[in-house]
């Protein structure tokens, strides 16, 4: 399955991955990476296997396919690109 790194603790000890199947997010922790020494960053494209443990999805065999887009936090980039919402109160 393909995914995108949404958050990482910066030391590759743990993180959260959005998965292409649009189901629950997958968590990764130390030992989940298939390639030793690879550093993951927010926005990186990855492949992964998922395993359910007591209702929580954990990522296994995580492989980095490509770098993050632009090096900035994915959340900040999405906020900047999102159209400004206009709120109108009906009376």
C-alpha atoms as a PDB file:
ATOM      1  CA  UNK A   1       0.000   0.000   0.000  1.00  0.00           C
ATOM      2  CA  UNK A   2       1.113   3.602  -0.570  1.00  0.00           C
ATOM      3  CA  UNK A   3       1.129   6.283   2.100  1.00  0.00           C
ATOM      4  CA  UNK A   4       2.339   9.735   3.114  1.00  0.00           C
ATOM      5  CA  UNK A   5       4.135  10.582   6.350  1.00  0.00           C
ATOM      6  CA  UNK A   6       1.900  12.994   8.287  1.00  0.00           C
ATOM      7  CA  UNK A   7       4.010  13.277  11.441  1.00  0.00           C
ATOM      8  CA  UNK A   8       7.287  11.941  12.776  1.00  0.00           C
ATOM      9  CA  UNK A   9       9.067  12.540  16.056  1.00  0.00           C
ATOM     10  CA  UNK A  10      12.207  13.497  14.143  1.00  0.00           C
ATOM     11  CA  UNK A  11      14.247  10.528  15.311  1.00  0.00           C
ATOM     12  CA  UNK A  12      12.424   7.788  13.367  1.00  0.00           C
ATOM     13  CA  UNK A  13      11.311   6.282  16.662  1.00  0.00           C
ATOM     14  CA  UNK A  14       7.638   6.818  15.833  1.00  0.00           C
ATOM     15  CA  UNK A  15       5.258   8.522  13.416  1.00  0.00           C
ATOM     16  CA  UNK A  16       1.883   8.528  11.678  1.00  0.00           C
ATOM     17  CA  UNK A  17       1.132   7.581   8.056  1.00  0.00           C
ATOM     18  CA  UNK A  18      -1.922   8.375   5.930  1.00  0.00           C
ATOM     19  CA  UNK A  19      -2.774   5.302   3.842  1.00  0.00           C
ATOM     20  CA  UNK A  20      -4.192   5.217   0.321  1.00  0.00           C
ATOM     21  CA  UNK A  21      -7.098   2.998   1.393  1.00  0.00           C
ATOM     22  CA  UNK A  22      -8.577   5.978   3.315  1.00  0.00           C
ATOM     23  CA  UNK A  23      -9.050   3.903   6.457  1.00  0.00           C
ATOM     24  CA  UNK A  24      -7.487   4.541   9.873  1.00  0.00           C
ATOM     25  CA  UNK A  25      -4.060   6.142  10.005  1.00  0.00           C
ATOM     26  CA  UNK A  26      -1.144   3.756  10.524  1.00  0.00           C
ATOM     27  CA  UNK A  27       1.438   4.224  13.253  1.00  0.00           C
ATOM     28  CA  UNK A  28       5.060   3.310  12.826  1.00  0.00           C
ATOM     29  CA  UNK A  29       7.689   2.837  15.468  1.00  0.00           C
ATOM     30  CA  UNK A  30      11.299   1.809  15.667  1.00  0.00           C
ATOM     31  CA  UNK A  31      11.847  -1.382  13.684  1.00  0.00           C
ATOM     32  CA  UNK A  32       9.086  -0.668  11.138  1.00  0.00           C
ATOM     33  CA  UNK A  33      11.467   0.652   8.481  1.00  0.00           C
ATOM     34  CA  UNK A  34      12.632  -1.909   5.946  1.00  0.00           C
ATOM     35  CA  UNK A  35      15.847  -0.008   5.203  1.00  0.00           C
ATOM     36  CA  UNK A  36      18.084   0.879   8.157  1.00  0.00           C
ATOM     37  CA  UNK A  37      19.441   4.422   8.296  1.00  0.00           C
ATOM     38  CA  UNK A  38      16.713   5.998   6.154  1.00  0.00           C
ATOM     39  CA  UNK A  39      15.261   9.132   7.699  1.00  0.00           C
ATOM     40  CA  UNK A  40      11.578   9.914   7.162  1.00  0.00           C
ATOM     41  CA  UNK A  41      10.164  13.437   7.006  1.00  0.00           C
ATOM     42  CA  UNK A  42       6.661  14.867   6.896  1.00  0.00           C
ATOM     43  CA  UNK A  43       5.302  14.568   3.358  1.00  0.00           C
ATOM     44  CA  UNK A  44       7.542  11.651   2.301  1.00  0.00           C
ATOM     45  CA  UNK A  45       5.894   9.092   0.017  1.00  0.00           C
ATOM     46  CA  UNK A  46       6.219   5.506   1.271  1.00  0.00           C
ATOM     47  CA  UNK A  47       5.051   1.965   0.692  1.00  0.00           C
ATOM     48  CA  UNK A  48       4.009  -0.104   3.658  1.00  0.00           C
ATOM     49  CA  UNK A  49       2.194  -3.143   4.938  1.00  0.00           C
ATOM     50  CA  UNK A  50      -0.384  -2.665   7.685  1.00  0.00           C
ATOM     51  CA  UNK A  51      -1.169  -4.914  10.600  1.00  0.00           C
ATOM     52  CA  UNK A  52      -4.086  -4.494  12.989  1.00  0.00           C
ATOM     53  CA  UNK A  53      -3.268  -4.968  16.660  1.00  0.00           C
ATOM     54  CA  UNK A  54      -6.210  -4.591  19.034  1.00  0.00           C
ATOM     55  CA  UNK A  55      -7.961  -2.104  16.748  1.00  0.00           C
ATOM     56  CA  UNK A  56      -4.850  -0.008  16.015  1.00  0.00           C
ATOM     57  CA  UNK A  57      -3.143  -0.056  12.612  1.00  0.00           C
ATOM     58  CA  UNK A  58       0.620  -0.401  12.668  1.00  0.00           C
ATOM     59  CA  UNK A  59       2.871   0.056   9.650  1.00  0.00           C
ATOM     60  CA  UNK A  60       5.367  -2.659   8.766  1.00  0.00           C
ATOM     61  CA  UNK A  61       8.039  -2.817   6.065  1.00  0.00           C
ATOM     62  CA  UNK A  62       7.986   0.940   5.460  1.00  0.00           C
ATOM     63  CA  UNK A  63      10.044   1.972   2.409  1.00  0.00           C
ATOM     64  CA  UNK A  64      10.623   5.617   1.420  1.00  0.00           C
ATOM     65  CA  UNK A  65       9.805   6.177  -2.262  1.00  0.00           C
ATOM     66  CA  UNK A  66      10.335   9.897  -2.534  1.00  0.00           C
ATOM     67  CA  UNK A  67      11.137  13.041  -0.588  1.00  0.00           C
ATOM     68  CA  UNK A  68       8.714  15.391   1.032  1.00  0.00           C
ATOM     69  CA  UNK A  69       7.284  18.121  -1.153  1.00  0.00           C
ATOM     70  CA  UNK A  70       9.062  21.382  -0.484  1.00  0.00           C
ATOM     71  CA  UNK A  71      10.392  20.455   2.929  1.00  0.00           C
ATOM     72  CA  UNK A  72       7.653  22.274   4.822  1.00  0.00           C
ATOM     73  CA  UNK A  73       5.093  20.728   7.128  1.00  0.00           C
ATOM     74  CA  UNK A  74       2.294  19.135   5.138  1.00  0.00           C
ATOM     75  CA  UNK A  75      -0.371  20.689   7.349  1.00  0.00           C
ATOM     76  CA  UNK A  76       0.980  24.192   6.807  1.00  0.00           C
ATOM     77  CA  UNK A  77       1.101  23.672   3.055  1.00  0.00           C
ATOM     78  CA  UNK A  78      -2.506  22.435   2.953  1.00  0.00           C
ATOM     79  CA  UNK A  79      -3.708  25.378   5.046  1.00  0.00           C
ATOM     80  CA  UNK A  80      -1.992  27.832   2.733  1.00  0.00           C
ATOM     81  CA  UNK A  81      -3.486  26.248  -0.393  1.00  0.00           C
ATOM     82  CA  UNK A  82      -7.007  25.800   0.965  1.00  0.00           C
ATOM     83  CA  UNK A  83      -9.566  28.346  -0.240  1.00  0.00           C
ATOM     84  CA  UNK A  84     -10.637  30.870   2.363  1.00  0.00           C
ATOM     85  CA  UNK A  85     -13.985  29.825   3.792  1.00  0.00           C
ATOM     86  CA  UNK A  86     -16.668  32.500   4.012  1.00  0.00           C
ATOM     87  CA  UNK A  87     -19.099  32.170   6.842  1.00  0.00           C
ATOM     88  CA  UNK A  88     -22.479  33.799   6.617  1.00  0.00           C
ATOM     89  CA  UNK A  89     -24.882  33.742   9.528  1.00  0.00           C
ATOM     90  CA  UNK A  90     -28.527  33.318   8.588  1.00  0.00           C
ATOM     91  CA  UNK A  91     -30.959  35.280  10.715  1.00  0.00           C
END
